Amino acid sequence: MNQYYTGEEVAAMLHVSERRVAQWRQKGILKSIRTGKGFIYREDWIEAMTTEFEGEDLSNEDGIDLAINLRKIKSAPVRQDIRARRSS
């Protein structure tokens, strides 16, 4: 059974500000559920985010954007260089 946490609880758990948790949510790296005026976060979503972004600097917006872009590059299909294929 999953435990649910408020943004304040997530912030305390991860030693960051509530604003940082909100940035992660807005950038799509931390899943959430809207509840009236706020958001809640499932324990497994928090664990998935911390595991996926382990070692990344998520302490500011530039670091968050860089981490997201690195994920996109790593997951993009690899294309062979057309010139290399033509020369073989």
Protein backbone atom coordinates (compact mmCIF):
# COMPACT_ATOMS: atom_id res chain seq x y z
CA MET A 1 0.00 0.00 0.00
CA ASN A 2 1.38 3.39 -0.98
CA GLN A 3 1.93 6.19 1.48
CA TYR A 4 1.02 9.71 0.35
CA TYR A 5 2.88 12.88 1.33
CA THR A 6 2.23 16.59 1.07
CA GLY A 7 4.70 18.92 -0.62
CA GLU A 8 5.82 20.09 2.81
CA GLU A 9 6.52 16.52 3.90
CA VAL A 10 8.40 15.72 0.68
CA ALA A 11 10.49 18.86 1.10
CA ALA A 12 11.40 17.90 4.67
CA MET A 13 12.14 14.30 3.64
CA LEU A 14 14.49 15.36 0.82
CA HIS A 15 15.96 18.40 2.64
CA VAL A 16 14.81 20.91 0.01
CA SER A 17 12.33 23.78 -0.06
CA GLU A 18 8.67 23.37 -0.93
CA ARG A 19 9.37 25.61 -3.93
CA ARG A 20 11.91 23.09 -5.21
CA VAL A 21 9.35 20.27 -4.90
CA ALA A 22 6.90 22.45 -6.86
CA GLN A 23 9.53 23.01 -9.58
CA TRP A 24 10.10 19.27 -9.88
CA ARG A 25 6.33 18.76 -10.19
CA GLN A 26 5.97 21.54 -12.78
CA LYS A 27 8.89 20.19 -14.84
CA GLY A 28 7.33 16.71 -14.79
CA ILE A 29 10.07 14.86 -12.95
CA LEU A 30 7.96 14.24 -9.84
CA LYS A 31 4.47 12.86 -10.34
CA SER A 32 1.67 14.23 -8.20
CA ILE A 33 -2.07 14.19 -7.64
CA ARG A 34 -4.01 17.45 -7.40
CA THR A 35 -6.11 17.61 -4.23
CA GLY A 36 -8.22 20.73 -3.97
CA LYS A 37 -5.72 23.54 -3.51
CA GLY A 38 -2.62 21.38 -3.15
CA PHE A 39 -0.82 18.29 -4.36
CA ILE A 40 0.11 14.96 -2.84
CA TYR A 41 2.93 12.65 -3.81
CA ARG A 42 3.02 8.86 -3.63
CA GLU A 43 5.97 7.26 -1.90
CA ASP A 44 6.87 5.13 -4.94
CA TRP A 45 6.87 8.24 -7.18
CA ILE A 46 9.28 9.97 -4.82
CA GLU A 47 11.54 6.90 -4.78
CA ALA A 48 11.42 6.63 -8.59
CA MET A 49 12.41 10.27 -9.02
CA THR A 50 15.27 10.09 -6.52
CA THR A 51 16.56 6.88 -8.12
CA GLU A 52 16.29 8.12 -11.71
CA PHE A 53 17.96 11.45 -10.98
CA GLU A 54 20.51 10.21 -8.43
CA GLY A 55 23.73 12.18 -8.74
CA GLU A 56 22.09 14.97 -10.76
CA ASP A 57 22.03 18.57 -9.54
CA LEU A 58 18.32 19.34 -9.15
CA SER A 59 18.94 22.29 -6.85
CA ASN A 60 18.12 24.97 -9.43
CA GLU A 61 16.13 25.37 -12.62
CA ASP A 62 19.18 25.09 -14.90
CA GLY A 63 20.22 21.81 -13.27
CA ILE A 64 16.69 20.46 -13.57
CA ASP A 65 16.52 21.38 -17.27
CA LEU A 66 19.94 19.84 -17.90
CA ALA A 67 18.95 16.58 -16.20
CA ILE A 68 15.73 16.41 -18.24
CA ASN A 69 17.58 17.11 -21.50
CA LEU A 70 20.18 14.45 -20.72
CA ARG A 71 17.37 11.91 -20.27
CA LYS A 72 15.94 12.90 -23.65
CA ILE A 73 19.33 12.50 -25.35
CA LYS A 74 19.97 9.12 -23.72
CA SER A 75 16.54 7.80 -24.74
CA ALA A 76 16.66 9.13 -28.32
CA PRO A 77 17.13 6.49 -31.02
CA VAL A 78 20.66 6.23 -32.30
CA ARG A 79 21.02 7.26 -35.93
CA GLN A 80 23.91 6.16 -38.04
CA ASP A 81 25.87 8.83 -39.81
CA ILE A 82 24.71 8.82 -43.43
CA ARG A 83 28.21 9.53 -44.74
CA ALA A 84 29.60 6.53 -42.88
CA ARG A 85 26.97 4.25 -44.41
CA ARG A 86 27.63 5.55 -47.92
CA SER A 87 31.37 4.97 -47.71
CA SER A 88 31.04 1.32 -46.77
